[in-house]
């Protein structure tokens, strides 16, 4: 049995990637991981392919054991692995609760590595890993500091992993969008925390997901949606950090 394994499948880019990959001819079943059972049940009703809902909180290390047990029991071939689970918080170091700061590290970084390592034994040549990164990984960002740092980790981890998996014929694509219309903004802000005044340009989750799937099929290591984000990536590589941080702070 060939599967697409998607974390964060209940909303945003994870849900759109789940929809797109479920339609792929080489995918027999979608394994959808998220905390919200009702959202996963909605996917079951919506999609034509079979959906296995896995109600897991990836902040809990025990959830990785449950995923590993499910894989060991059914031994599918993971044609696509998508790590889309994650969250972010705006604010300075005094405005974001410690639990949220460490939680971002747990879900965005630790769980991503754990899910990847758990799924890789079930992947073969021609299979693809898609890691949800962010344009925030391109340089340090005050007031989005921990989130940006976790995405920088994802960026470096994915680059290195891509090289390690080349001999096995497995590609790793990091998806680095800018502002996307998702529930991220519902979870990221509170009334007192510093946050940008405007979010432009804004892309849809579908736009980012479609670009990500196309780029993954081409074996690209980085998927960037939109000319503005491509410029952002270029500046992150060549512009001084003080200059880019000045541009970032001007948004507040």
Foldseek 3Di string as FASTA:
>chain_A
DEEAEFEPCLWFLRVLLQQVVLPDPRHQEYEYEEQDPVSQVVVCVPDPHHYHYQNDDQLDVVSLVVVLVVCVVPLHQYQEYELPDAAFAFAAPVPDDPCRLVSRLRRLAVSVVSNCVSNVVRYAANGEYEYEAALLCLAAEGRRHSNNVSSVNVLVVLVVVQVVCVVRNYAYAYEYEAAEPICNVVPHYDPPGDDFPDRPDYHYSNQSSVQRVVCRSVRHHYGYGDPVSVVSNVCSVPPDNVVVNVVNVVRD
